[in-house]
PDB file of N, CA and C in Angstrom:
ATOM      1  N   UNK A   1      73.039 108.492 160.361  1.00  0.00           N
ATOM      2  CA  UNK A   1      73.662 109.044 159.170  1.00  0.00           C
ATOM      3  C   UNK A   1      74.928 109.791 159.575  1.00  0.00           C
ATOM      4  N   UNK A   2      76.008 109.565 158.876  1.00  0.00           N
ATOM      5  CA  UNK A   2      77.278 110.205 159.184  1.00  0.00           C
ATOM      6  C   UNK A   2      77.251 111.664 158.726  1.00  0.00           C
ATOM      7  N   UNK A   3      77.916 112.503 159.497  1.00  0.00           N
ATOM      8  CA  UNK A   3      77.958 113.924 159.178  1.00  0.00           C
ATOM      9  C   UNK A   3      79.409 114.350 158.982  1.00  0.00           C
ATOM     10  N   UNK A   4      79.627 115.262 158.053  1.00  0.00           N
ATOM     11  CA  UNK A   4      80.972 115.747 157.779  1.00  0.00           C
ATOM     12  C   UNK A   4      81.571 116.415 159.009  1.00  0.00           C
ATOM     13  N   UNK A   5      80.735 116.996 159.867  1.00  0.00           N
ATOM     14  CA  UNK A   5      81.243 117.678 161.054  1.00  0.00           C
ATOM     15  C   UNK A   5      81.939 116.705 162.015  1.00  0.00           C
ATOM     16  N   UNK A   6      81.657 115.413 161.892  1.00  0.00           N
ATOM     17  CA  UNK A   6      82.281 114.415 162.762  1.00  0.00           C
ATOM     18  C   UNK A   6      83.779 114.293 162.511  1.00  0.00           C
ATOM     19  N   UNK A   7      84.210 114.646 161.309  1.00  0.00           N
ATOM     20  CA  UNK A   7      85.631 114.462 160.967  1.00  0.00           C
ATOM     21  C   UNK A   7      86.408 115.772 160.976  1.00  0.00           C
ATOM     22  N   UNK A   8      85.791 116.843 161.435  1.00  0.00           N
ATOM     23  CA  UNK A   8      86.479 118.130 161.482  1.00  0.00           C
ATOM     24  C   UNK A   8      86.465 118.806 160.120  1.00  0.00           C
ATOM     25  N   UNK A   9      87.429 119.664 159.945  1.00  0.00           N
ATOM     26  CA  UNK A   9      87.515 120.435 158.707  1.00  0.00           C
ATOM     27  C   UNK A   9      87.808 119.501 157.528  1.00  0.00           C
ATOM     28  N   UNK A  10      87.047 119.638 156.457  1.00  0.00           N
ATOM     29  CA  UNK A  10      87.252 118.813 155.268  1.00  0.00           C
ATOM     30  C   UNK A  10      88.150 119.591 154.309  1.00  0.00           C
ATOM     31  N   UNK A  11      89.405 119.197 154.277  1.00  0.00           N
ATOM     32  CA  UNK A  11      90.408 119.859 153.437  1.00  0.00           C
ATOM     33  C   UNK A  11      90.598 119.080 152.135  1.00  0.00           C
ATOM     34  N   UNK A  12      91.424 119.612 151.261  1.00  0.00           N
ATOM     35  CA  UNK A  12      91.750 118.908 150.019  1.00  0.00           C
ATOM     36  C   UNK A  12      92.419 117.566 150.324  1.00  0.00           C
ATOM     37  N   UNK A  13      93.255 117.518 151.356  1.00  0.00           N
ATOM     38  CA  UNK A  13      93.902 116.255 151.736  1.00  0.00           C
ATOM     39  C   UNK A  13      92.859 115.267 152.245  1.00  0.00           C
ATOM     40  N   UNK A  14      91.904 115.735 153.034  1.00  0.00           N
ATOM     41  CA  UNK A  14      90.837 114.860 153.532  1.00  0.00           C
ATOM     42  C   UNK A  14      90.074 114.253 152.360  1.00  0.00           C
ATOM     43  N   UNK A  15      89.715 115.074 151.378  1.00  0.00           N
ATOM     44  CA  UNK A  15      88.991 114.574 150.210  1.00  0.00           C
ATOM     45  C   UNK A  15      89.824 113.550 149.445  1.00  0.00           C
ATOM     46  N   UNK A  16      91.111 113.832 149.277  1.00  0.00           N
ATOM     47  CA  UNK A  16      91.987 112.910 148.560  1.00  0.00           C
ATOM     48  C   UNK A  16      92.118 111.577 149.303  1.00  0.00           C
ATOM     49  N   UNK A  17      92.204 111.625 150.630  1.00  0.00           N
ATOM     50  CA  UNK A  17      92.301 110.402 151.431  1.00  0.00           C
ATOM     51  C   UNK A  17      90.998 109.615 151.342  1.00  0.00           C
ATOM     52  N   UNK A  18      89.855 110.284 151.403  1.00  0.00           N
ATOM     53  CA  UNK A  18      88.567 109.589 151.285  1.00  0.00           C
ATOM     54  C   UNK A  18      88.467 108.875 149.941  1.00  0.00           C
ATOM     55  N   UNK A  19      88.918 109.534 148.874  1.00  0.00           N
ATOM     56  CA  UNK A  19      88.905 108.891 147.554  1.00  0.00           C
ATOM     57  C   UNK A  19      89.861 107.699 147.527  1.00  0.00           C
ATOM     58  N   UNK A  20      91.037 107.861 148.110  1.00  0.00           N
ATOM     59  CA  UNK A  20      92.053 106.795 148.105  1.00  0.00           C
ATOM     60  C   UNK A  20      91.595 105.575 148.915  1.00  0.00           C
ATOM     61  N   UNK A  21      90.793 105.802 149.940  1.00  0.00           N
ATOM     62  CA  UNK A  21      90.302 104.683 150.754  1.00  0.00           C
ATOM     63  C   UNK A  21      89.330 103.790 149.986  1.00  0.00           C
ATOM     64  N   UNK A  22      88.865 104.242 148.849  1.00  0.00           N
ATOM     65  CA  UNK A  22      87.987 103.426 148.012  1.00  0.00           C
ATOM     66  C   UNK A  22      88.790 102.464 147.137  1.00  0.00           C
ATOM     67  N   UNK A  23      90.101 102.492 147.237  1.00  0.00           N
ATOM     68  CA  UNK A  23      90.982 101.620 146.445  1.00  0.00           C
ATOM     69  C   UNK A  23      90.807 100.163 146.858  1.00  0.00           C
ATOM     70  N   UNK A  24      91.311  99.230 146.045  1.00  0.00           N
ATOM     71  CA  UNK A  24      91.247  97.814 146.422  1.00  0.00           C
ATOM     72  C   UNK A  24      91.927  97.582 147.775  1.00  0.00           C
ATOM     73  N   UNK A  25      91.512  96.536 148.502  1.00  0.00           N
ATOM     74  CA  UNK A  25      92.031  96.292 149.856  1.00  0.00           C
ATOM     75  C   UNK A  25      93.560  96.250 149.966  1.00  0.00           C
ATOM     76  N   UNK A  26      94.258  95.755 148.955  1.00  0.00           N
ATOM     77  CA  UNK A  26      95.724  95.702 149.056  1.00  0.00           C
ATOM     78  C   UNK A  26      96.370  97.072 148.914  1.00  0.00           C
ATOM     79  N   UNK A  27      95.585  98.082 148.591  1.00  0.00           N
ATOM     80  CA  UNK A  27      96.095  99.451 148.450  1.00  0.00           C
ATOM     81  C   UNK A  27      95.624 100.357 149.573  1.00  0.00           C
ATOM     82  N   UNK A  28      95.199  99.791 150.688  1.00  0.00           N
ATOM     83  CA  UNK A  28      94.654 100.602 151.772  1.00  0.00           C
ATOM     84  C   UNK A  28      95.580 100.727 152.966  1.00  0.00           C
ATOM     85  N   UNK A  29      96.863 100.552 152.781  1.00  0.00           N
ATOM     86  CA  UNK A  29      97.808 100.818 153.867  1.00  0.00           C
ATOM     87  C   UNK A  29      98.293 102.251 153.709  1.00  0.00           C
ATOM     88  N   UNK A  30      98.860 102.811 154.766  1.00  0.00           N
ATOM     89  CA  UNK A  30      99.191 104.231 154.804  1.00  0.00           C
ATOM     90  C   UNK A  30      99.991 104.741 153.623  1.00  0.00           C
ATOM     91  N   UNK A  31     101.056 104.023 153.253  1.00  0.00           N
ATOM     92  CA  UNK A  31     101.903 104.490 152.149  1.00  0.00           C
ATOM     93  C   UNK A  31     101.126 104.498 150.835  1.00  0.00           C
ATOM     94  N   UNK A  32     100.356 103.438 150.575  1.00  0.00           N
ATOM     95  CA  UNK A  32      99.584 103.379 149.327  1.00  0.00           C
ATOM     96  C   UNK A  32      98.502 104.456 149.302  1.00  0.00           C
ATOM     97  N   UNK A  33      97.888 104.720 150.444  1.00  0.00           N
ATOM     98  CA  UNK A  33      96.879 105.781 150.512  1.00  0.00           C
ATOM     99  C   UNK A  33      97.519 107.120 150.163  1.00  0.00           C
ATOM    100  N   UNK A  34      98.697 107.379 150.723  1.00  0.00           N
ATOM    101  CA  UNK A  34      99.408 108.632 150.428  1.00  0.00           C
ATOM    102  C   UNK A  34      99.750 108.719 148.943  1.00  0.00           C
ATOM    103  N   UNK A  35     100.193 107.604 148.369  1.00  0.00           N
ATOM    104  CA  UNK A  35     100.529 107.595 146.941  1.00  0.00           C
ATOM    105  C   UNK A  35      99.288 107.836 146.084  1.00  0.00           C
ATOM    106  N   UNK A  36      98.204 107.130 146.392  1.00  0.00           N
ATOM    107  CA  UNK A  36      96.962 107.288 145.622  1.00  0.00           C
ATOM    108  C   UNK A  36      96.356 108.676 145.794  1.00  0.00           C
ATOM    109  N   UNK A  37      96.518 109.250 146.976  1.00  0.00           N
ATOM    110  CA  UNK A  37      95.988 110.587 147.248  1.00  0.00           C
ATOM    111  C   UNK A  37      96.905 111.681 146.713  1.00  0.00           C
ATOM    112  N   UNK A  38      98.146 111.277 146.362  1.00  0.00           N
ATOM    113  CA  UNK A  38      99.169 112.227 145.905  1.00  0.00           C
ATOM    114  C   UNK A  38      99.448 113.294 146.960  1.00  0.00           C
ATOM    115  N   UNK A  39      99.563 112.808 148.205  1.00  0.00           N
ATOM    116  CA  UNK A  39      99.829 113.678 149.347  1.00  0.00           C
ATOM    117  C   UNK A  39     101.006 113.132 150.137  1.00  0.00           C
ATOM    118  N   UNK A  40     101.614 113.979 150.928  1.00  0.00           N
ATOM    119  CA  UNK A  40     102.736 113.560 151.767  1.00  0.00           C
ATOM    120  C   UNK A  40     102.229 112.765 152.965  1.00  0.00           C
ATOM    121  N   UNK A  41     103.047 111.808 153.403  1.00  0.00           N
ATOM    122  CA  UNK A  41     102.675 110.975 154.544  1.00  0.00           C
ATOM    123  C   UNK A  41     102.346 111.810 155.774  1.00  0.00           C
ATOM    124  N   UNK A  42     103.101 112.881 155.991  1.00  0.00           N
ATOM    125  CA  UNK A  42     102.877 113.741 157.146  1.00  0.00           C
ATOM    126  C   UNK A  42     101.533 114.448 157.126  1.00  0.00           C
ATOM    127  N   UNK A  43     100.907 114.530 155.963  1.00  0.00           N
ATOM    128  CA  UNK A  43      99.571 115.112 155.850  1.00  0.00           C
ATOM    129  C   UNK A  43      98.492 114.046 155.930  1.00  0.00           C
ATOM    130  N   UNK A  44      98.813 112.844 155.464  1.00  0.00           N
ATOM    131  CA  UNK A  44      97.823 111.766 155.387  1.00  0.00           C
ATOM    132  C   UNK A  44      97.535 111.153 156.753  1.00  0.00           C
ATOM    133  N   UNK A  45      98.585 110.879 157.545  1.00  0.00           N
ATOM    134  CA  UNK A  45      98.367 110.194 158.817  1.00  0.00           C
ATOM    135  C   UNK A  45      97.481 110.962 159.799  1.00  0.00           C
ATOM    136  N   UNK A  46      97.590 112.286 159.916  1.00  0.00           N
ATOM    137  CA  UNK A  46      96.642 112.997 160.792  1.00  0.00           C
ATOM    138  C   UNK A  46      95.188 112.853 160.319  1.00  0.00           C
ATOM    139  N   UNK A  47      94.967 112.821 159.006  1.00  0.00           N
ATOM    140  CA  UNK A  47      93.608 112.633 158.482  1.00  0.00           C
ATOM    141  C   UNK A  47      93.123 111.229 158.822  1.00  0.00           C
ATOM    142  N   UNK A  48      93.989 110.229 158.647  1.00  0.00           N
ATOM    143  CA  UNK A  48      93.613 108.855 158.994  1.00  0.00           C
ATOM    144  C   UNK A  48      93.288 108.750 160.487  1.00  0.00           C
ATOM    145  N   UNK A  49      94.049 109.442 161.324  1.00  0.00           N
ATOM    146  CA  UNK A  49      93.772 109.443 162.768  1.00  0.00           C
ATOM    147  C   UNK A  49      92.403 110.053 163.066  1.00  0.00           C
ATOM    148  N   UNK A  50      92.093 111.188 162.414  1.00  0.00           N
ATOM    149  CA  UNK A  50      90.788 111.839 162.621  1.00  0.00           C
ATOM    150  C   UNK A  50      89.645 110.936 162.170  1.00  0.00           C
ATOM    151  N   UNK A  51      89.822 110.294 161.018  1.00  0.00           N
ATOM    152  CA  UNK A  51      88.773 109.411 160.504  1.00  0.00           C
ATOM    153  C   UNK A  51      88.571 108.208 161.422  1.00  0.00           C
ATOM    154  N   UNK A  52      89.663 107.705 161.993  1.00  0.00           N
ATOM    155  CA  UNK A  52      89.576 106.582 162.926  1.00  0.00           C
ATOM    156  C   UNK A  52      88.852 107.007 164.205  1.00  0.00           C
ATOM    157  N   UNK A  53      89.236 108.160 164.755  1.00  0.00           N
ATOM    158  CA  UNK A  53      88.604 108.660 165.978  1.00  0.00           C
ATOM    159  C   UNK A  53      87.117 108.931 165.780  1.00  0.00           C
ATOM    160  N   UNK A  54      86.730 109.354 164.575  1.00  0.00           N
ATOM    161  CA  UNK A  54      85.322 109.646 164.287  1.00  0.00           C
ATOM    162  C   UNK A  54      84.527 108.372 164.013  1.00  0.00           C
ATOM    163  N   UNK A  55      85.211 107.245 163.903  1.00  0.00           N
ATOM    164  CA  UNK A  55      84.518 105.990 163.631  1.00  0.00           C
ATOM    165  C   UNK A  55      84.207 105.761 162.163  1.00  0.00           C
ATOM    166  N   UNK A  56      84.840 106.536 161.279  1.00  0.00           N
ATOM    167  CA  UNK A  56      84.610 106.377 159.845  1.00  0.00           C
ATOM    168  C   UNK A  56      85.459 105.264 159.247  1.00  0.00           C
ATOM    169  N   UNK A  57      86.630 104.992 159.858  1.00  0.00           N
ATOM    170  CA  UNK A  57      87.482 103.915 159.371  1.00  0.00           C
ATOM    171  C   UNK A  57      87.990 103.097 160.552  1.00  0.00           C
ATOM    172  N   UNK A  58      88.395 101.885 160.262  1.00  0.00           N
ATOM    173  CA  UNK A  58      89.064 101.052 161.249  1.00  0.00           C
ATOM    174  C   UNK A  58      90.463 100.786 160.731  1.00  0.00           C
ATOM    175  N   UNK A  59      91.354 100.444 161.646  1.00  0.00           N
ATOM    176  CA  UNK A  59      92.733 100.152 161.273  1.00  0.00           C
ATOM    177  C   UNK A  59      93.171  98.881 161.982  1.00  0.00           C
ATOM    178  N   UNK A  60      93.924  98.071 161.287  1.00  0.00           N
ATOM    179  CA  UNK A  60      94.491  96.869 161.908  1.00  0.00           C
ATOM    180  C   UNK A  60      95.844  96.576 161.270  1.00  0.00           C
ATOM    181  N   UNK A  61      96.657  95.853 161.994  1.00  0.00           N
ATOM    182  CA  UNK A  61      97.967  95.483 161.473  1.00  0.00           C
ATOM    183  C   UNK A  61      97.811  94.304 160.535  1.00  0.00           C
ATOM    184  N   UNK A  62      98.536  94.338 159.470  1.00  0.00           N
ATOM    185  CA  UNK A  62      98.532  93.271 158.475  1.00  0.00           C
ATOM    186  C   UNK A  62      98.886  91.941 159.138  1.00  0.00           C
ATOM    187  N   UNK A  63      98.151  90.891 158.801  1.00  0.00           N
ATOM    188  CA  UNK A  63      98.355  89.585 159.425  1.00  0.00           C
ATOM    189  C   UNK A  63      99.660  88.901 159.019  1.00  0.00           C
ATOM    190  N   UNK A  64      99.959  88.864 157.758  1.00  0.00           N
ATOM    191  CA  UNK A  64     101.134  88.121 157.319  1.00  0.00           C
ATOM    192  C   UNK A  64     102.072  89.011 156.508  1.00  0.00           C
ATOM    193  N   UNK A  65     102.977  89.686 157.182  1.00  0.00           N
ATOM    194  CA  UNK A  65     103.915  90.530 156.438  1.00  0.00           C
ATOM    195  C   UNK A  65     104.878  89.665 155.615  1.00  0.00           C
ATOM    196  N   UNK A  66     105.346  90.227 154.549  1.00  0.00           N
ATOM    197  CA  UNK A  66     106.349  89.543 153.730  1.00  0.00           C
ATOM    198  C   UNK A  66     107.670  89.570 154.460  1.00  0.00           C
ATOM    199  N   UNK A  67     108.502  88.537 154.304  1.00  0.00           N
ATOM    200  CA  UNK A  67     109.805  88.525 154.980  1.00  0.00           C
ATOM    201  C   UNK A  67     110.644  89.756 154.600  1.00  0.00           C
ATOM    202  N   UNK A  68     111.241  90.351 155.602  1.00  0.00           N
ATOM    203  CA  UNK A  68     112.107  91.508 155.358  1.00  0.00           C
ATOM    204  C   UNK A  68     111.371  92.833 155.244  1.00  0.00           C
ATOM    205  N   UNK A  69     110.056  92.821 155.287  1.00  0.00           N
ATOM    206  CA  UNK A  69     109.296  94.064 155.198  1.00  0.00           C
ATOM    207  C   UNK A  69     108.509  94.251 156.482  1.00  0.00           C
ATOM    208  N   UNK A  70     108.502  95.462 157.015  1.00  0.00           N
ATOM    209  CA  UNK A  70     107.731  95.712 158.244  1.00  0.00           C
ATOM    210  C   UNK A  70     106.232  95.498 158.009  1.00  0.00           C
ATOM    211  N   UNK A  71     105.525  95.204 159.094  1.00  0.00           N
ATOM    212  CA  UNK A  71     104.076  95.081 158.997  1.00  0.00           C
ATOM    213  C   UNK A  71     103.480  96.416 158.579  1.00  0.00           C
ATOM    214  N   UNK A  72     102.351  96.348 157.904  1.00  0.00           N
ATOM    215  CA  UNK A  72     101.664  97.569 157.474  1.00  0.00           C
ATOM    216  C   UNK A  72     100.334  97.680 158.214  1.00  0.00           C
ATOM    217  N   UNK A  73      99.948  98.925 158.459  1.00  0.00           N
ATOM    218  CA  UNK A  73      98.644  99.180 159.068  1.00  0.00           C
ATOM    219  C   UNK A  73      97.667  99.364 157.914  1.00  0.00           C
ATOM    220  N   UNK A  74      96.594  98.590 157.925  1.00  0.00           N
ATOM    221  CA  UNK A  74      95.623  98.594 156.838  1.00  0.00           C
ATOM    222  C   UNK A  74      94.336  99.260 157.329  1.00  0.00           C
ATOM    223  N   UNK A  75      93.766 100.116 156.487  1.00  0.00           N
ATOM    224  CA  UNK A  75      92.588 100.903 156.841  1.00  0.00           C
ATOM    225  C   UNK A  75      91.406 100.486 155.978  1.00  0.00           C
ATOM    226  N   UNK A  76      90.203 100.553 156.556  1.00  0.00           N
ATOM    227  CA  UNK A  76      88.992 100.299 155.773  1.00  0.00           C
ATOM    228  C   UNK A  76      87.835 101.088 156.368  1.00  0.00           C
ATOM    229  N   UNK A  77      86.874 101.402 155.515  1.00  0.00           N
ATOM    230  CA  UNK A  77      85.697 102.150 155.947  1.00  0.00           C
ATOM    231  C   UNK A  77      84.819 101.301 156.852  1.00  0.00           C
ATOM    232  N   UNK A  78      84.191 101.957 157.811  1.00  0.00           N
ATOM    233  CA  UNK A  78      83.073 101.354 158.539  1.00  0.00           C
ATOM    234  C   UNK A  78      81.828 101.658 157.706  1.00  0.00           C
ATOM    235  N   UNK A  79      80.697 101.073 158.040  1.00  0.00           N
ATOM    236  CA  UNK A  79      79.461 101.390 157.322  1.00  0.00           C
ATOM    237  C   UNK A  79      79.142 102.870 157.408  1.00  0.00           C
ATOM    238  N   UNK A  80      79.313 103.429 158.596  1.00  0.00           N
ATOM    239  CA  UNK A  80      79.072 104.854 158.825  1.00  0.00           C
ATOM    240  C   UNK A  80      80.027 105.707 157.991  1.00  0.00           C
ATOM    241  N   UNK A  81      81.290 105.298 157.958  1.00  0.00           N
ATOM    242  CA  UNK A  81      82.286 106.049 157.205  1.00  0.00           C
ATOM    243  C   UNK A  81      82.071 105.982 155.711  1.00  0.00           C
ATOM    244  N   UNK A  82      81.652 104.827 155.236  1.00  0.00           N
ATOM    245  CA  UNK A  82      81.408 104.679 153.803  1.00  0.00           C
ATOM    246  C   UNK A  82      80.282 105.597 153.344  1.00  0.00           C
ATOM    247  N   UNK A  83      79.193 105.655 154.124  1.00  0.00           N
ATOM    248  CA  UNK A  83      78.085 106.544 153.750  1.00  0.00           C
ATOM    249  C   UNK A  83      78.484 108.010 153.928  1.00  0.00           C
ATOM    250  N   UNK A  84      79.241 108.306 154.985  1.00  0.00           N
ATOM    251  CA  UNK A  84      79.694 109.683 155.201  1.00  0.00           C
ATOM    252  C   UNK A  84      80.632 110.150 154.108  1.00  0.00           C
ATOM    253  N   UNK A  85      81.552 109.280 153.706  1.00  0.00           N
ATOM    254  CA  UNK A  85      82.499 109.634 152.643  1.00  0.00           C
ATOM    255  C   UNK A  85      81.759 109.868 151.333  1.00  0.00           C
ATOM    256  N   UNK A  86      80.795 109.008 151.040  1.00  0.00           N
ATOM    257  CA  UNK A  86      80.021 109.182 149.802  1.00  0.00           C
ATOM    258  C   UNK A  86      79.291 110.519 149.816  1.00  0.00           C
ATOM    259  N   UNK A  87      78.742 110.886 150.978  1.00  0.00           N
ATOM    260  CA  UNK A  87      78.022 112.155 151.100  1.00  0.00           C
ATOM    261  C   UNK A  87      78.974 113.342 150.921  1.00  0.00           C
ATOM    262  N   UNK A  88      80.109 113.309 151.610  1.00  0.00           N
ATOM    263  CA  UNK A  88      81.077 114.411 151.524  1.00  0.00           C
ATOM    264  C   UNK A  88      81.593 114.558 150.095  1.00  0.00           C
ATOM    265  N   UNK A  89      81.952 113.445 149.476  1.00  0.00           N
ATOM    266  CA  UNK A  89      82.495 113.501 148.119  1.00  0.00           C
ATOM    267  C   UNK A  89      81.437 113.981 147.123  1.00  0.00           C
ATOM    268  N   UNK A  90      80.187 113.584 147.314  1.00  0.00           N
ATOM    269  CA  UNK A  90      79.116 114.048 146.420  1.00  0.00           C
ATOM    270  C   UNK A  90      78.883 115.548 146.588  1.00  0.00           C
ATOM    271  N   UNK A  91      78.900 116.019 147.837  1.00  0.00           N
ATOM    272  CA  UNK A  91      78.706 117.456 148.086  1.00  0.00           C
ATOM    273  C   UNK A  91      79.825 118.275 147.465  1.00  0.00           C
ATOM    274  N   UNK A  92      81.042 117.785 147.571  1.00  0.00           N
ATOM    275  CA  UNK A  92      82.190 118.538 147.055  1.00  0.00           C
ATOM    276  C   UNK A  92      82.330 118.424 145.547  1.00  0.00           C
ATOM    277  N   UNK A  93      81.648 117.466 144.934  1.00  0.00           N
ATOM    278  CA  UNK A  93      81.718 117.312 143.481  1.00  0.00           C
ATOM    279  C   UNK A  93      80.828 118.344 142.778  1.00  0.00           C
ATOM    280  N   UNK A  94      79.808 118.834 143.485  1.00  0.00           N
ATOM    281  CA  UNK A  94      78.922 119.836 142.909  1.00  0.00           C
ATOM    282  C   UNK A  94      79.634 121.180 142.876  1.00  0.00           C
ATOM    283  N   UNK A  95      79.452 121.948 141.799  1.00  0.00           N
ATOM    284  CA  UNK A  95      80.074 123.278 141.762  1.00  0.00           C
ATOM    285  C   UNK A  95      79.480 124.180 142.838  1.00  0.00           C
ATOM    286  N   UNK A  96      80.328 124.973 143.435  1.00  0.00           N
ATOM    287  CA  UNK A  96      79.882 125.923 144.465  1.00  0.00           C
ATOM    288  C   UNK A  96      79.094 127.044 143.795  1.00  0.00           C
ATOM    289  N   UNK A  97      77.888 127.360 144.277  1.00  0.00           N
ATOM    290  CA  UNK A  97      77.139 128.480 143.693  1.00  0.00           C
ATOM    291  C   UNK A  97      77.823 129.804 144.044  1.00  0.00           C
ATOM    292  N   UNK A  98      77.813 130.723 143.090  1.00  0.00           N
ATOM    293  CA  UNK A  98      78.392 132.043 143.332  1.00  0.00           C
ATOM    294  C   UNK A  98      77.369 132.913 144.052  1.00  0.00           C
ATOM    295  N   UNK A  99      77.841 133.825 144.898  1.00  0.00           N
ATOM    296  CA  UNK A  99      76.910 134.754 145.537  1.00  0.00           C
ATOM    297  C   UNK A  99      76.152 135.543 144.470  1.00  0.00           C
ATOM    298  N   UNK A 100      74.896 135.874 144.750  1.00  0.00           N
ATOM    299  CA  UNK A 100      74.027 136.526 143.767  1.00  0.00           C
ATOM    300  C   UNK A 100      74.627 137.793 143.184  1.00  0.00           C
ATOM    301  N   UNK A 101      75.337 138.562 143.979  1.00  0.00           N
ATOM    302  CA  UNK A 101      75.903 139.819 143.497  1.00  0.00           C
ATOM    303  C   UNK A 101      77.096 139.647 142.582  1.00  0.00           C
ATOM    304  N   UNK A 102      77.600 138.418 142.429  1.00  0.00           N
ATOM    305  CA  UNK A 102      78.806 138.225 141.635  1.00  0.00           C
ATOM    306  C   UNK A 102      78.572 137.403 140.370  1.00  0.00           C
ATOM    307  N   UNK A 103      77.335 137.102 140.064  1.00  0.00           N
ATOM    308  CA  UNK A 103      77.060 136.317 138.871  1.00  0.00           C
ATOM    309  C   UNK A 103      77.356 137.139 137.625  1.00  0.00           C
ATOM    310  N   UNK A 104      78.220 136.660 136.799  1.00  0.00           N
ATOM    311  CA  UNK A 104      78.494 137.285 135.519  1.00  0.00           C
ATOM    312  C   UNK A 104      79.202 138.630 135.583  1.00  0.00           C
ATOM    313  N   UNK A 105      79.631 139.062 136.733  1.00  0.00           N
ATOM    314  CA  UNK A 105      80.307 140.358 136.836  1.00  0.00           C
ATOM    315  C   UNK A 105      81.796 140.177 136.664  1.00  0.00           C
ATOM    316  N   UNK A 106      82.410 141.110 136.009  1.00  0.00           N
ATOM    317  CA  UNK A 106      83.864 141.134 135.948  1.00  0.00           C
ATOM    318  C   UNK A 106      84.315 142.583 135.984  1.00  0.00           C
ATOM    319  N   UNK A 107      85.492 142.761 136.452  1.00  0.00           N
ATOM    320  CA  UNK A 107      86.017 144.129 136.575  1.00  0.00           C
ATOM    321  C   UNK A 107      86.533 144.607 135.221  1.00  0.00           C
ATOM    322  N   UNK A 108      86.195 145.831 134.924  1.00  0.00           N
ATOM    323  CA  UNK A 108      86.700 146.457 133.713  1.00  0.00           C
ATOM    324  C   UNK A 108      87.838 147.389 134.097  1.00  0.00           C
ATOM    325  N   UNK A 109      88.801 147.556 133.199  1.00  0.00           N
ATOM    326  CA  UNK A 109      89.909 148.471 133.535  1.00  0.00           C
ATOM    327  C   UNK A 109      89.397 149.906 133.644  1.00  0.00           C
ATOM    328  N   UNK A 110      90.057 150.650 134.529  1.00  0.00           N
ATOM    329  CA  UNK A 110      89.679 152.056 134.676  1.00  0.00           C
ATOM    330  C   UNK A 110      90.152 152.838 133.455  1.00  0.00           C
ATOM    331  N   UNK A 111      89.283 153.705 133.021  1.00  0.00           N
ATOM    332  CA  UNK A 111      89.602 154.542 131.885  1.00  0.00           C
ATOM    333  C   UNK A 111      89.531 155.998 132.348  1.00  0.00           C
ATOM    334  N   UNK A 112      90.583 156.731 132.080  1.00  0.00           N
ATOM    335  CA  UNK A 112      90.606 158.146 132.473  1.00  0.00           C
ATOM    336  C   UNK A 112      89.720 158.923 131.525  1.00  0.00           C
ATOM    337  N   UNK A 113      89.031 159.948 132.047  1.00  0.00           N
ATOM    338  CA  UNK A 113      88.209 160.784 131.158  1.00  0.00           C
ATOM    339  C   UNK A 113      89.083 161.452 130.088  1.00  0.00           C
ATOM    340  N   UNK A 114      88.506 161.698 128.928  1.00  0.00           N
ATOM    341  CA  UNK A 114      89.244 162.315 127.817  1.00  0.00           C
ATOM    342  C   UNK A 114      89.820 163.650 128.260  1.00  0.00           C
ATOM    343  N   UNK A 115      91.037 163.902 127.912  1.00  0.00           N
ATOM    344  CA  UNK A 115      91.673 165.175 128.222  1.00  0.00           C
ATOM    345  C   UNK A 115      92.373 165.176 129.562  1.00  0.00           C
ATOM    346  N   UNK A 116      92.240 164.132 130.387  1.00  0.00           N
ATOM    347  CA  UNK A 116      92.903 164.141 131.673  1.00  0.00           C
ATOM    348  C   UNK A 116      94.219 163.356 131.640  1.00  0.00           C
ATOM    349  N   UNK A 117      94.575 162.854 130.462  1.00  0.00           N
ATOM    350  CA  UNK A 117      95.825 162.124 130.321  1.00  0.00           C
ATOM    351  C   UNK A 117      96.995 163.118 130.431  1.00  0.00           C
ATOM    352  N   UNK A 118      98.094 162.717 131.021  1.00  0.00           N
ATOM    353  CA  UNK A 118      99.242 163.631 131.075  1.00  0.00           C
ATOM    354  C   UNK A 118      99.702 163.999 129.672  1.00  0.00           C
ATOM    355  N   UNK A 119      99.984 165.205 129.446  1.00  0.00           N
ATOM    356  CA  UNK A 119     100.444 165.687 128.167  1.00  0.00           C
ATOM    357  C   UNK A 119      99.310 166.034 127.224  1.00  0.00           C
ATOM    358  N   UNK A 120      98.056 165.970 127.702  1.00  0.00           N
ATOM    359  CA  UNK A 120      96.924 166.276 126.799  1.00  0.00           C
ATOM    360  C   UNK A 120      96.534 167.726 126.932  1.00  0.00           C
TER     361      UNK A 120
END
């Protein structure tokens, strides 16, 4: 079973990349992942590197590039990565429980005792 600890810190960019990797196969190259994740390329590629090193995704160069366009690196989940991503995304979809001491509490404005106001 894949563990979130295998991929390091799970940031908002990591979550967005995991969601974007579920896109159709023609949308799994780096630029499309960044677009679908709504993140900058400079943030996406380090996450893709971490996921690759952890064995959650594989990467390969596109077989038949279109004329005039550079080859693209295409990413896809491994079986381990697919189950790990599903687990991480499910855990993060649940609302975080509040600490017991903070349930329903809110701060009220301070009120000065009667007669202690300046000019009273």
